[in-house]
Full PDB file with SEQRES, HELIX, SHEET, SSBOND, CRYST1, ORIGX, SCALE, CONECT and MASTER records, all heavy atoms in Angstrom:
SEQRES   1 A   43  THR LEU SER LYS LEU LEU GLY GLU ARG VAL ASP ALA GLU          
SEQRES   2 A   43  MET ALA LYS GLU ILE LYS ALA THR ILE THR GLY PHE PRO          
SEQRES   3 A   43  GLU ILE ARG GLY ALA TYR ASP LEU VAL LEU HIS ASP TYR          
SEQRES   4 A   43  GLY PRO ASP SER                                              
HELIX    1 AA1 LEU A    2  LEU A    6  1                                   5    
HELIX    2 AA2 ALA A   12  ILE A   22  1                                  11    
CRYST1    1.000    1.000    1.000  90.00  90.00  90.00 P 1           1          
ORIGX1      1.000000  0.000000  0.000000        0.00000                         
ORIGX2      0.000000  1.000000  0.000000        0.00000                         
ORIGX3      0.000000  0.000000  1.000000        0.00000                         
SCALE1      1.000000  0.000000  0.000000        0.00000                         
SCALE2      0.000000  1.000000  0.000000        0.00000                         
SCALE3      0.000000  0.000000  1.000000        0.00000                         
ATOM      1  N   THR A   1      82.967  57.859 -43.129  1.00  0.00           N  
ATOM      2  CA  THR A   1      82.049  58.111 -42.014  1.00  0.00           C  
ATOM      3  C   THR A   1      82.045  59.585 -41.638  1.00  0.00           C  
ATOM      4  O   THR A   1      80.990  60.160 -41.342  1.00  0.00           O  
ATOM      5  CB  THR A   1      82.435  57.255 -40.793  1.00  0.00           C  
ATOM      6  OG1 THR A   1      82.546  55.886 -41.186  1.00  0.00           O  
ATOM      7  CG2 THR A   1      81.372  57.360 -39.708  1.00  0.00           C  
ATOM      8  N   LEU A   2      83.217  60.219 -41.637  1.00  0.00           N  
ATOM      9  CA  LEU A   2      83.295  61.653 -41.344  1.00  0.00           C  
ATOM     10  C   LEU A   2      82.483  62.460 -42.350  1.00  0.00           C  
ATOM     11  O   LEU A   2      81.803  63.429 -41.997  1.00  0.00           O  
ATOM     12  CB  LEU A   2      84.755  62.115 -41.377  1.00  0.00           C  
ATOM     13  CG  LEU A   2      85.533  62.089 -40.063  1.00  0.00           C  
ATOM     14  CD1 LEU A   2      86.977  62.497 -40.304  1.00  0.00           C  
ATOM     15  CD2 LEU A   2      84.889  62.989 -39.024  1.00  0.00           C  
ATOM     16  N   SER A   3      82.556  62.049 -43.616  1.00  0.00           N  
ATOM     17  CA  SER A   3      81.820  62.740 -44.662  1.00  0.00           C  
ATOM     18  C   SER A   3      80.320  62.696 -44.386  1.00  0.00           C  
ATOM     19  O   SER A   3      79.611  63.693 -44.567  1.00  0.00           O  
ATOM     20  CB  SER A   3      82.128  62.097 -46.024  1.00  0.00           C  
ATOM     21  OG  SER A   3      81.419  62.743 -47.054  1.00  0.00           O  
ATOM     22  N   LYS A   4      79.836  61.545 -43.908  1.00  0.00           N  
ATOM     23  CA  LYS A   4      78.405  61.428 -43.599  1.00  0.00           C  
ATOM     24  C   LYS A   4      78.018  62.252 -42.380  1.00  0.00           C  
ATOM     25  O   LYS A   4      76.930  62.823 -42.325  1.00  0.00           O  
ATOM     26  CB  LYS A   4      78.041  59.962 -43.397  1.00  0.00           C  
ATOM     27  CG  LYS A   4      78.103  59.151 -44.686  1.00  0.00           C  
ATOM     28  CD  LYS A   4      77.599  57.738 -44.509  1.00  0.00           C  
ATOM     29  CE  LYS A   4      77.618  57.010 -45.854  1.00  0.00           C  
ATOM     30  NZ  LYS A   4      77.100  55.636 -45.760  1.00  0.00           N  
ATOM     31  N   LEU A   5      78.915  62.316 -41.405  1.00  0.00           N  
ATOM     32  CA  LEU A   5      78.647  63.134 -40.219  1.00  0.00           C  
ATOM     33  C   LEU A   5      78.604  64.619 -40.577  1.00  0.00           C  
ATOM     34  O   LEU A   5      77.807  65.381 -40.019  1.00  0.00           O  
ATOM     35  CB  LEU A   5      79.717  62.889 -39.155  1.00  0.00           C  
ATOM     36  CG  LEU A   5      79.606  61.567 -38.372  1.00  0.00           C  
ATOM     37  CD1 LEU A   5      80.852  61.347 -37.528  1.00  0.00           C  
ATOM     38  CD2 LEU A   5      78.365  61.570 -37.480  1.00  0.00           C  
ATOM     39  N   LEU A   6      79.456  65.029 -41.505  1.00  0.00           N  
ATOM     40  CA  LEU A   6      79.470  66.431 -41.933  1.00  0.00           C  
ATOM     41  C   LEU A   6      78.211  66.785 -42.723  1.00  0.00           C  
ATOM     42  O   LEU A   6      77.740  67.915 -42.684  1.00  0.00           O  
ATOM     43  CB  LEU A   6      80.711  66.707 -42.790  1.00  0.00           C  
ATOM     44  CG  LEU A   6      82.045  66.783 -42.040  1.00  0.00           C  
ATOM     45  CD1 LEU A   6      83.199  66.851 -43.028  1.00  0.00           C  
ATOM     46  CD2 LEU A   6      82.060  67.993 -41.117  1.00  0.00           C  
ATOM     47  N   GLY A   7      77.666  65.795 -43.434  1.00  0.00           N  
ATOM     48  CA  GLY A   7      76.469  66.034 -44.253  1.00  0.00           C  
ATOM     49  C   GLY A   7      76.794  65.995 -45.723  1.00  0.00           C  
ATOM     50  O   GLY A   7      77.582  66.800 -46.213  1.00  0.00           O  
ATOM     51  N   GLU A   8      76.219  65.018 -46.432  1.00  0.00           N  
ATOM     52  CA  GLU A   8      76.477  64.850 -47.854  1.00  0.00           C  
ATOM     53  C   GLU A   8      75.249  65.214 -48.678  1.00  0.00           C  
ATOM     54  O   GLU A   8      74.122  65.280 -48.167  1.00  0.00           O  
ATOM     55  CB  GLU A   8      76.854  63.393 -48.156  1.00  0.00           C  
ATOM     56  CG  GLU A   8      78.147  62.940 -47.514  1.00  0.00           C  
ATOM     57  CD  GLU A   8      78.469  61.491 -47.827  1.00  0.00           C  
ATOM     58  OE1 GLU A   8      77.529  60.700 -48.070  1.00  0.00           O  
ATOM     59  OE2 GLU A   8      79.657  61.142 -47.840  1.00  0.00           O  
ATOM     60  N   ARG A   9      75.498  65.447 -49.965  1.00  0.00           N  
ATOM     61  CA  ARG A   9      74.393  65.680 -50.891  1.00  0.00           C  
ATOM     62  C   ARG A   9      73.493  64.441 -50.915  1.00  0.00           C  
ATOM     63  O   ARG A   9      73.963  63.301 -50.902  1.00  0.00           O  
ATOM     64  CB  ARG A   9      74.955  65.933 -52.291  1.00  0.00           C  
ATOM     65  CG  ARG A   9      73.880  66.100 -53.375  1.00  0.00           C  
ATOM     66  CD  ARG A   9      74.521  65.974 -54.743  1.00  0.00           C  
ATOM     67  NE  ARG A   9      75.493  67.031 -54.974  1.00  0.00           N  
ATOM     68  CZ  ARG A   9      75.168  68.217 -55.497  1.00  0.00           C  
ATOM     69  NH1 ARG A   9      73.925  68.467 -55.851  1.00  0.00           N  
ATOM     70  NH2 ARG A   9      76.087  69.118 -55.687  1.00  0.00           N  
ATOM     71  N   VAL A  10      72.189  64.680 -50.950  1.00  0.00           N  
ATOM     72  CA  VAL A  10      71.248  63.559 -50.986  1.00  0.00           C  
ATOM     73  C   VAL A  10      71.426  62.773 -52.279  1.00  0.00           C  
ATOM     74  O   VAL A  10      71.809  63.328 -53.314  1.00  0.00           O  
ATOM     75  CB  VAL A  10      69.802  64.082 -50.866  1.00  0.00           C  
ATOM     76  CG1 VAL A  10      69.414  64.924 -52.066  1.00  0.00           C  
ATOM     77  CG2 VAL A  10      68.812  62.931 -50.697  1.00  0.00           C  
ATOM     78  N   ASP A  11      71.192  61.475 -52.213  1.00  0.00           N  
ATOM     79  CA  ASP A  11      71.313  60.623 -53.387  1.00  0.00           C  
ATOM     80  C   ASP A  11      70.446  61.166 -54.524  1.00  0.00           C  
ATOM     81  O   ASP A  11      69.265  61.458 -54.338  1.00  0.00           O  
ATOM     82  CB  ASP A  11      70.864  59.198 -53.031  1.00  0.00           C  
ATOM     83  CG  ASP A  11      70.896  58.259 -54.218  1.00  0.00           C  
ATOM     84  OD1 ASP A  11      71.988  57.952 -54.697  1.00  0.00           O  
ATOM     85  OD2 ASP A  11      69.800  57.872 -54.680  1.00  0.00           O  
ATOM     86  N   ALA A  12      71.041  61.285 -55.708  1.00  0.00           N  
ATOM     87  CA  ALA A  12      70.349  61.909 -56.851  1.00  0.00           C  
ATOM     88  C   ALA A  12      69.083  61.153 -57.232  1.00  0.00           C  
ATOM     89  O   ALA A  12      68.051  61.762 -57.550  1.00  0.00           O  
ATOM     90  CB  ALA A  12      71.304  61.975 -58.043  1.00  0.00           C  
ATOM     91  N   GLU A  13      69.143  59.838 -57.199  1.00  0.00           N  
ATOM     92  CA  GLU A  13      67.974  59.034 -57.577  1.00  0.00           C  
ATOM     93  C   GLU A  13      66.838  59.219 -56.575  1.00  0.00           C  
ATOM     94  O   GLU A  13      65.663  59.306 -56.945  1.00  0.00           O  
ATOM     95  CB  GLU A  13      68.378  57.555 -57.651  1.00  0.00           C  
ATOM     96  CG  GLU A  13      67.326  56.659 -58.297  1.00  0.00           C  
ATOM     97  CD  GLU A  13      66.996  57.051 -59.730  1.00  0.00           C  
ATOM     98  OE1 GLU A  13      67.897  57.528 -60.447  1.00  0.00           O  
ATOM     99  OE2 GLU A  13      65.821  56.884 -60.123  1.00  0.00           O  
ATOM    100  N   MET A  14      67.201  59.295 -55.298  1.00  0.00           N  
ATOM    101  CA  MET A  14      66.200  59.514 -54.254  1.00  0.00           C  
ATOM    102  C   MET A  14      65.527  60.873 -54.422  1.00  0.00           C  
ATOM    103  O   MET A  14      64.302  61.005 -54.325  1.00  0.00           O  
ATOM    104  CB  MET A  14      66.856  59.409 -52.880  1.00  0.00           C  
ATOM    105  CG  MET A  14      65.903  59.606 -51.718  1.00  0.00           C  
ATOM    106  SD  MET A  14      66.770  59.528 -50.142  1.00  0.00           S  
ATOM    107  CE  MET A  14      65.394  59.713 -48.995  1.00  0.00           C  
ATOM    108  N   ALA A  15      66.334  61.913 -54.675  1.00  0.00           N  
ATOM    109  CA  ALA A  15      65.799  63.256 -54.887  1.00  0.00           C  
ATOM    110  C   ALA A  15      64.860  63.279 -56.089  1.00  0.00           C  
ATOM    111  O   ALA A  15      63.786  63.898 -56.057  1.00  0.00           O  
ATOM    112  CB  ALA A  15      66.931  64.260 -55.088  1.00  0.00           C  
ATOM    113  N   LYS A  16      65.261  62.590 -57.153  1.00  0.00           N  
ATOM    114  CA  LYS A  16      64.452  62.533 -58.371  1.00  0.00           C  
ATOM    115  C   LYS A  16      63.100  61.871 -58.100  1.00  0.00           C  
ATOM    116  O   LYS A  16      62.057  62.336 -58.563  1.00  0.00           O  
ATOM    117  CB  LYS A  16      65.220  61.758 -59.444  1.00  0.00           C  
ATOM    118  CG  LYS A  16      64.530  61.699 -60.793  1.00  0.00           C  
ATOM    119  CD  LYS A  16      65.398  60.943 -61.790  1.00  0.00           C  
ATOM    120  CE  LYS A  16      64.693  60.827 -63.146  1.00  0.00           C  
ATOM    121  NZ  LYS A  16      65.518  60.053 -64.106  1.00  0.00           N  
ATOM    122  N   GLU A  17      63.125  60.789 -57.313  1.00  0.00           N  
ATOM    123  CA  GLU A  17      61.880  60.072 -57.004  1.00  0.00           C  
ATOM    124  C   GLU A  17      60.945  60.919 -56.147  1.00  0.00           C  
ATOM    125  O   GLU A  17      59.729  60.928 -56.367  1.00  0.00           O  
ATOM    126  CB  GLU A  17      62.221  58.759 -56.293  1.00  0.00           C  
ATOM    127  CG  GLU A  17      62.874  57.725 -57.199  1.00  0.00           C  
ATOM    128  CD  GLU A  17      63.363  56.504 -56.426  1.00  0.00           C  
ATOM    129  OE1 GLU A  17      63.181  56.481 -55.187  1.00  0.00           O  
ATOM    130  OE2 GLU A  17      63.928  55.587 -57.060  1.00  0.00           O  
ATOM    131  N   ILE A  18      61.511  61.625 -55.165  1.00  0.00           N  
ATOM    132  CA  ILE A  18      60.679  62.470 -54.301  1.00  0.00           C  
ATOM    133  C   ILE A  18      60.051  63.600 -55.104  1.00  0.00           C  
ATOM    134  O   ILE A  18      58.854  63.899 -54.965  1.00  0.00           O  
ATOM    135  CB  ILE A  18      61.516  63.032 -53.131  1.00  0.00           C  
ATOM    136  CG1 ILE A  18      61.923  61.898 -52.193  1.00  0.00           C  
ATOM    137  CG2 ILE A  18      60.729  64.098 -52.358  1.00  0.00           C  
ATOM    138  CD1 ILE A  18      62.898  62.322 -51.103  1.00  0.00           C  
ATOM    139  N   LYS A  19      60.851  64.230 -55.964  1.00  0.00           N  
ATOM    140  CA  LYS A  19      60.319  65.320 -56.792  1.00  0.00           C  
ATOM    141  C   LYS A  19      59.235  64.811 -57.749  1.00  0.00           C  
ATOM    142  O   LYS A  19      58.243  65.494 -58.012  1.00  0.00           O  
ATOM    143  CB  LYS A  19      61.444  65.992 -57.575  1.00  0.00           C  
ATOM    144  CG  LYS A  19      62.382  66.816 -56.701  1.00  0.00           C  
ATOM    145  CD  LYS A  19      63.519  67.422 -57.510  1.00  0.00           C  
ATOM    146  CE  LYS A  19      64.461  68.230 -56.643  1.00  0.00           C  
ATOM    147  NZ  LYS A  19      65.586  68.811 -57.415  1.00  0.00           N  
ATOM    148  N   ALA A  20      59.433  63.588 -58.267  1.00  0.00           N  
ATOM    149  CA  ALA A  20      58.433  63.002 -59.166  1.00  0.00           C  
ATOM    150  C   ALA A  20      57.120  62.755 -58.429  1.00  0.00           C  
ATOM    151  O   ALA A  20      56.029  62.972 -58.977  1.00  0.00           O  
ATOM    152  CB  ALA A  20      58.960  61.697 -59.754  1.00  0.00           C  
ATOM    153  N   THR A  21      57.222  62.324 -57.173  1.00  0.00           N  
ATOM    154  CA  THR A  21      56.021  62.112 -56.356  1.00  0.00           C  
ATOM    155  C   THR A  21      55.285  63.429 -56.151  1.00  0.00           C  
ATOM    156  O   THR A  21      54.058  63.493 -56.273  1.00  0.00           O  
ATOM    157  CB  THR A  21      56.401  61.505 -54.990  1.00  0.00           C  
ATOM    158  OG1 THR A  21      56.979  60.211 -55.187  1.00  0.00           O  
ATOM    159  CG2 THR A  21      55.176  61.371 -54.089  1.00  0.00           C  
ATOM    160  N   ILE A  22      56.034  64.487 -55.858  1.00  0.00           N  
ATOM    161  CA  ILE A  22      55.411  65.792 -55.589  1.00  0.00           C  
ATOM    162  C   ILE A  22      54.767  66.374 -56.845  1.00  0.00           C  
ATOM    163  O   ILE A  22      53.633  66.861 -56.809  1.00  0.00           O  
ATOM    164  CB  ILE A  22      56.470  66.770 -55.022  1.00  0.00           C  
ATOM    165  CG1 ILE A  22      56.948  66.281 -53.654  1.00  0.00           C  
ATOM    166  CG2 ILE A  22      55.893  68.185 -54.898  1.00  0.00           C  
ATOM    167  CD1 ILE A  22      58.141  67.043 -53.105  1.00  0.00           C  
ATOM    168  N   THR A  23      55.492  66.313 -57.956  1.00  0.00           N  
ATOM    169  CA  THR A  23      54.945  66.870 -59.198  1.00  0.00           C  
ATOM    170  C   THR A  23      53.857  65.977 -59.804  1.00  0.00           C  
ATOM    171  O   THR A  23      53.258  66.321 -60.813  1.00  0.00           O  
ATOM    172  CB  THR A  23      56.061  67.084 -60.246  1.00  0.00           C  
ATOM    173  OG1 THR A  23      56.803  65.870 -60.423  1.00  0.00           O  
ATOM    174  CG2 THR A  23      57.005  68.188 -59.800  1.00  0.00           C  
ATOM    175  N   GLY A  24      53.611  64.836 -59.164  1.00  0.00           N  
ATOM    176  CA  GLY A  24      52.499  63.977 -59.598  1.00  0.00           C  
ATOM    177  C   GLY A  24      51.152  64.580 -59.269  1.00  0.00           C  
ATOM    178  O   GLY A  24      50.124  64.173 -59.839  1.00  0.00           O  
ATOM    179  N   PHE A  25      51.132  65.556 -58.362  1.00  0.00           N  
ATOM    180  CA  PHE A  25      49.883  66.271 -58.068  1.00  0.00           C  
ATOM    181  C   PHE A  25      49.585  67.224 -59.238  1.00  0.00           C  
ATOM    182  O   PHE A  25      50.465  67.999 -59.637  1.00  0.00           O  
ATOM    183  CB  PHE A  25      50.015  67.062 -56.765  1.00  0.00           C  
ATOM    184  CG  PHE A  25      50.026  66.209 -55.531  1.00  0.00           C  
ATOM    185  CD1 PHE A  25      51.189  65.578 -55.109  1.00  0.00           C  
ATOM    186  CD2 PHE A  25      48.860  66.011 -54.792  1.00  0.00           C  
ATOM    187  CE1 PHE A  25      51.210  64.778 -53.985  1.00  0.00           C  
ATOM    188  CE2 PHE A  25      48.865  65.219 -53.663  1.00  0.00           C  
ATOM    189  CZ  PHE A  25      50.036  64.594 -53.250  1.00  0.00           C  
ATOM    190  N   PRO A  26      48.382  67.185 -59.787  1.00  0.00           N  
ATOM    191  CA  PRO A  26      48.080  67.963 -61.001  1.00  0.00           C  
ATOM    192  C   PRO A  26      48.290  69.466 -60.868  1.00  0.00           C  
ATOM    193  O   PRO A  26      48.625  70.147 -61.831  1.00  0.00           O  
ATOM    194  CB  PRO A  26      46.614  67.617 -61.275  1.00  0.00           C  
ATOM    195  CG  PRO A  26      46.077  67.060 -59.998  1.00  0.00           C  
ATOM    196  CD  PRO A  26      47.225  66.398 -59.328  1.00  0.00           C  
ATOM    197  N   GLU A  27      48.114  70.012 -59.653  1.00  0.00           N  
ATOM    198  CA  GLU A  27      48.231  71.465 -59.487  1.00  0.00           C  
ATOM    199  C   GLU A  27      49.687  71.919 -59.359  1.00  0.00           C  
ATOM    200  O   GLU A  27      49.972  73.117 -59.445  1.00  0.00           O  
ATOM    201  CB  GLU A  27      47.462  71.922 -58.233  1.00  0.00           C  
ATOM    202  CG  GLU A  27      45.994  71.534 -58.215  1.00  0.00           C  
ATOM    203  CD  GLU A  27      45.774  70.202 -57.497  1.00  0.00           C  
ATOM    204  OE1 GLU A  27      46.755  69.420 -57.385  1.00  0.00           O  
ATOM    205  OE2 GLU A  27      44.642  69.933 -57.069  1.00  0.00           O  
ATOM    206  N   ILE A  28      50.618  70.978 -59.145  1.00  0.00           N  
ATOM    207  CA  ILE A  28      52.007  71.348 -58.893  1.00  0.00           C  
ATOM    208  C   ILE A  28      52.817  71.224 -60.182  1.00  0.00           C  
ATOM    209  O   ILE A  28      52.932  70.147 -60.754  1.00  0.00           O  
ATOM    210  CB  ILE A  28      52.626  70.459 -57.791  1.00  0.00           C  
ATOM    211  CG1 ILE A  28      51.844  70.642 -56.482  1.00  0.00           C  
ATOM    212  CG2 ILE A  28      54.099  70.806 -57.575  1.00  0.00           C  
ATOM    213  CD1 ILE A  28      52.312  69.741 -55.355  1.00  0.00           C  
ATOM    214  N   ARG A  29      53.390  72.339 -60.630  1.00  0.00           N  
ATOM    215  CA  ARG A  29      54.153  72.347 -61.875  1.00  0.00           C  
ATOM    216  C   ARG A  29      55.618  71.996 -61.670  1.00  0.00           C  
ATOM    217  O   ARG A  29      56.283  71.483 -62.568  1.00  0.00           O  
ATOM    218  CB  ARG A  29      54.049  73.723 -62.553  1.00  0.00           C  
ATOM    219  CG  ARG A  29      54.694  73.759 -63.936  1.00  0.00           C  
ATOM    220  CD  ARG A  29      54.349  75.000 -64.705  1.00  0.00           C  
ATOM    221  NE  ARG A  29      55.036  76.190 -64.210  1.00  0.00           N  
ATOM    222  CZ  ARG A  29      54.983  77.382 -64.808  1.00  0.00           C  
ATOM    223  NH1 ARG A  29      54.241  77.534 -65.911  1.00  0.00           N  
ATOM    224  NH2 ARG A  29      55.617  78.420 -64.303  1.00  0.00           N  
ATOM    225  N   GLY A  30      56.136  72.262 -60.486  1.00  0.00           N  
ATOM    226  CA  GLY A  30      57.550  71.962 -60.242  1.00  0.00           C  
ATOM    227  C   GLY A  30      57.844  71.805 -58.765  1.00  0.00           C  
ATOM    228  O   GLY A  30      57.128  72.338 -57.909  1.00  0.00           O  
ATOM    229  N   ALA A  31      58.906  71.061 -58.453  1.00  0.00           N  
ATOM    230  CA  ALA A  31      59.381  70.898 -57.078  1.00  0.00           C  
ATOM    231  C   ALA A  31      60.856  71.284 -57.054  1.00  0.00           C  
ATOM    232  O   ALA A  31      61.663  70.748 -57.826  1.00  0.00           O  
ATOM    233  CB  ALA A  31      59.193  69.459 -56.616  1.00  0.00           C  
ATOM    234  N   TYR A  32      61.225  72.223 -56.171  1.00  0.00           N  
ATOM    235  CA  TYR A  32      62.580  72.773 -56.174  1.00  0.00           C  
ATOM    236  C   TYR A  32      63.132  72.884 -54.749  1.00  0.00           C  
ATOM    237  O   TYR A  32      62.388  72.770 -53.770  1.00  0.00           O  
ATOM    238  CB  TYR A  32      62.587  74.161 -56.823  1.00  0.00           C  
ATOM    239  CG  TYR A  32      61.926  74.196 -58.175  1.00  0.00           C  
ATOM    240  CD1 TYR A  32      60.631  74.695 -58.320  1.00  0.00           C  
ATOM    241  CD2 TYR A  32      62.575  73.730 -59.315  1.00  0.00           C  
ATOM    242  CE1 TYR A  32      60.010  74.730 -59.566  1.00  0.00           C  
ATOM    243  CE2 TYR A  32      61.970  73.757 -60.555  1.00  0.00           C  
ATOM    244  CZ  TYR A  32      60.682  74.254 -60.678  1.00  0.00           C  
ATOM    245  OH  TYR A  32      60.073  74.275 -61.905  1.00  0.00           O  
ATOM    246  N   ASP A  33      64.433  73.145 -54.679  1.00  0.00           N  
ATOM    247  CA  ASP A  33      65.090  73.423 -53.398  1.00  0.00           C  
ATOM    248  C   ASP A  33      64.866  72.303 -52.380  1.00  0.00           C  
ATOM    249  O   ASP A  33      64.651  72.567 -51.189  1.00  0.00           O  
ATOM    250  CB  ASP A  33      64.610  74.756 -52.805  1.00  0.00           C  
ATOM    251  CG  ASP A  33      64.682  75.899 -53.799  1.00  0.00           C  
ATOM    252  OD1 ASP A  33      65.609  75.897 -54.617  1.00  0.00           O  
ATOM    253  OD2 ASP A  33      63.804  76.781 -53.759  1.00  0.00           O  
ATOM    254  N   LEU A  34      64.907  71.071 -52.838  1.00  0.00           N  
ATOM    255  CA  LEU A  34      64.741  69.946 -51.917  1.00  0.00           C  
ATOM    256  C   LEU A  34      65.978  69.837 -51.026  1.00  0.00           C  
ATOM    257  O   LEU A  34      67.093  69.646 -51.513  1.00  0.00           O  
ATOM    258  CB  LEU A  34      64.537  68.645 -52.694  1.00  0.00           C  
ATOM    259  CG  LEU A  34      64.418  67.370 -51.852  1.00  0.00           C  
ATOM    260  CD1 LEU A  34      63.168  67.413 -50.983  1.00  0.00           C  
ATOM    261  CD2 LEU A  34      64.400  66.132 -52.740  1.00  0.00           C  
ATOM    262  N   VAL A  35      65.770  69.980 -49.727  1.00  0.00           N  
ATOM    263  CA  VAL A  35      66.856  69.880 -48.749  1.00  0.00           C  
ATOM    264  C   VAL A  35      66.510  68.769 -47.772  1.00  0.00           C  
ATOM    265  O   VAL A  35      65.458  68.803 -47.134  1.00  0.00           O  
ATOM    266  CB  VAL A  35      67.058  71.202 -47.983  1.00  0.00           C  
ATOM    267  CG1 VAL A  35      68.194  71.062 -46.973  1.00  0.00           C  
ATOM    268  CG2 VAL A  35      67.345  72.347 -48.947  1.00  0.00           C  
ATOM    269  N   LEU A  36      67.381  67.768 -47.655  1.00  0.00           N  
ATOM    270  CA  LEU A  36      67.141  66.652 -46.735  1.00  0.00           C  
ATOM    271  C   LEU A  36      68.270  66.586 -45.709  1.00  0.00           C  
ATOM    272  O   LEU A  36      69.441  66.652 -46.061  1.00  0.00           O  
ATOM    273  CB  LEU A  36      67.066  65.331 -47.503  1.00  0.00           C  
ATOM    274  CG  LEU A  36      65.916  65.179 -48.502  1.00  0.00           C  
ATOM    275  CD1 LEU A  36      65.952  63.808 -49.147  1.00  0.00           C  
ATOM    276  CD2 LEU A  36      64.572  65.410 -47.833  1.00  0.00           C  
ATOM    277  N   HIS A  37      67.890  66.453 -44.444  1.00  0.00           N  
ATOM    278  CA  HIS A  37      68.855  66.323 -43.357  1.00  0.00           C  
ATOM    279  C   HIS A  37      68.814  64.880 -42.853  1.00  0.00           C  
ATOM    280  O   HIS A  37      67.756  64.365 -42.507  1.00  0.00           O  
ATOM    281  CB  HIS A  37      68.521  67.292 -42.219  1.00  0.00           C  
ATOM    282  CG  HIS A  37      68.541  68.726 -42.640  1.00  0.00           C  
ATOM    283  ND1 HIS A  37      69.705  69.424 -42.879  1.00  0.00           N  
ATOM    284  CD2 HIS A  37      67.522  69.599 -42.886  1.00  0.00           C  
ATOM    285  CE1 HIS A  37      69.415  70.668 -43.246  1.00  0.00           C  
ATOM    286  NE2 HIS A  37      68.103  70.792 -43.266  1.00  0.00           N  
ATOM    287  N   ASP A  38      69.976  64.266 -42.831  1.00  0.00           N  
ATOM    288  CA  ASP A  38      70.113  62.866 -42.460  1.00  0.00           C  
ATOM    289  C   ASP A  38      70.302  62.764 -40.944  1.00  0.00           C  
ATOM    290  O   ASP A  38      71.294  63.243 -40.406  1.00  0.00           O  
ATOM    291  CB  ASP A  38      71.332  62.299 -43.209  1.00  0.00           C  
ATOM    292  CG  ASP A  38      71.596  60.857 -42.889  1.00  0.00           C  
ATOM    293  OD1 ASP A  38      70.913  60.310 -42.017  1.00  0.00           O  
ATOM    294  OD2 ASP A  38      72.497  60.269 -43.510  1.00  0.00           O  
ATOM    295  N   TYR A  39      69.347  62.111 -40.264  1.00  0.00           N  
ATOM    296  CA  TYR A  39      69.458  61.900 -38.815  1.00  0.00           C  
ATOM    297  C   TYR A  39      69.673  60.427 -38.486  1.00  0.00           C  
ATOM    298  O   TYR A  39      69.157  59.908 -37.508  1.00  0.00           O  
ATOM    299  CB  TYR A  39      68.217  62.442 -38.107  1.00  0.00           C  
ATOM    300  CG  TYR A  39      68.166  63.948 -38.132  1.00  0.00           C  
ATOM    301  CD1 TYR A  39      67.406  64.624 -39.085  1.00  0.00           C  
ATOM    302  CD2 TYR A  39      68.909  64.703 -37.230  1.00  0.00           C  
ATOM    303  CE1 TYR A  39      67.392  66.009 -39.135  1.00  0.00           C  
ATOM    304  CE2 TYR A  39      68.898  66.086 -37.274  1.00  0.00           C  
ATOM    305  CZ  TYR A  39      68.128  66.734 -38.224  1.00  0.00           C  
ATOM    306  OH  TYR A  39      68.119  68.102 -38.268  1.00  0.00           O  
ATOM    307  N   GLY A  40      70.437  59.769 -39.344  1.00  0.00           N  
ATOM    308  CA  GLY A  40      70.691  58.352 -39.195  1.00  0.00           C  
ATOM    309  C   GLY A  40      70.320  57.660 -40.491  1.00  0.00           C  
ATOM    310  O   GLY A  40      69.656  58.248 -41.353  1.00  0.00           O  
ATOM    311  N   PRO A  41      70.742  56.402 -40.678  1.00  0.00           N  
ATOM    312  CA  PRO A  41      70.414  55.675 -41.908  1.00  0.00           C  
ATOM    313  C   PRO A  41      68.909  55.616 -42.151  1.00  0.00           C  
ATOM    314  O   PRO A  41      68.140  55.247 -41.270  1.00  0.00           O  
ATOM    315  CB  PRO A  41      70.978  54.270 -41.640  1.00  0.00           C  
ATOM    316  CG  PRO A  41      72.056  54.481 -40.631  1.00  0.00           C  
ATOM    317  CD  PRO A  41      71.591  55.600 -39.767  1.00  0.00           C  
ATOM    318  N   ASP A  42      68.496  56.012 -43.351  1.00  0.00           N  
ATOM    319  CA  ASP A  42      67.080  55.969 -43.762  1.00  0.00           C  
ATOM    320  C   ASP A  42      66.184  56.829 -42.890  1.00  0.00           C  
ATOM    321  O   ASP A  42      64.990  56.541 -42.735  1.00  0.00           O  
ATOM    322  CB  ASP A  42      66.555  54.520 -43.767  1.00  0.00           C  
ATOM    323  CG  ASP A  42      67.335  53.632 -44.707  1.00  0.00           C  
ATOM    324  OD1 ASP A  42      67.786  54.142 -45.753  1.00  0.00           O  
ATOM    325  OD2 ASP A  42      67.514  52.447 -44.401  1.00  0.00           O  
ATOM    326  N   SER A  43      66.737  57.879 -42.279  1.00  0.00           N  
ATOM    327  CA  SER A  43      65.927  58.767 -41.441  1.00  0.00           C  
ATOM    328  C   SER A  43      66.173  60.205 -41.894  1.00  0.00           C  
ATOM    329  O   SER A  43      67.215  60.796 -41.602  1.00  0.00           O  
ATOM    330  CB  SER A  43      66.316  58.600 -39.967  1.00  0.00           C  
ATOM    331  OG  SER A  43      65.574  59.482 -39.151  1.00  0.00           O  
TER     332      SER A  43                                                      
MASTER        0    0    0    2    0    0    0    6  331    1    0    4          
END                                                                             
C-alpha cells in the first residue's frame, strides 16, 4: 500500500494499449513520455 501511495510505474499492458489507441490516428507516428498519475483505483 505504501508503494502505491508513493507512486508506481503504470502497468505496462495499460501503457501499451493507450499508446496503441493514440498511434491509431493516421497522422500520429509515435506516442512517447506517457505519464499517468493515480488518484485512486482506476482513476
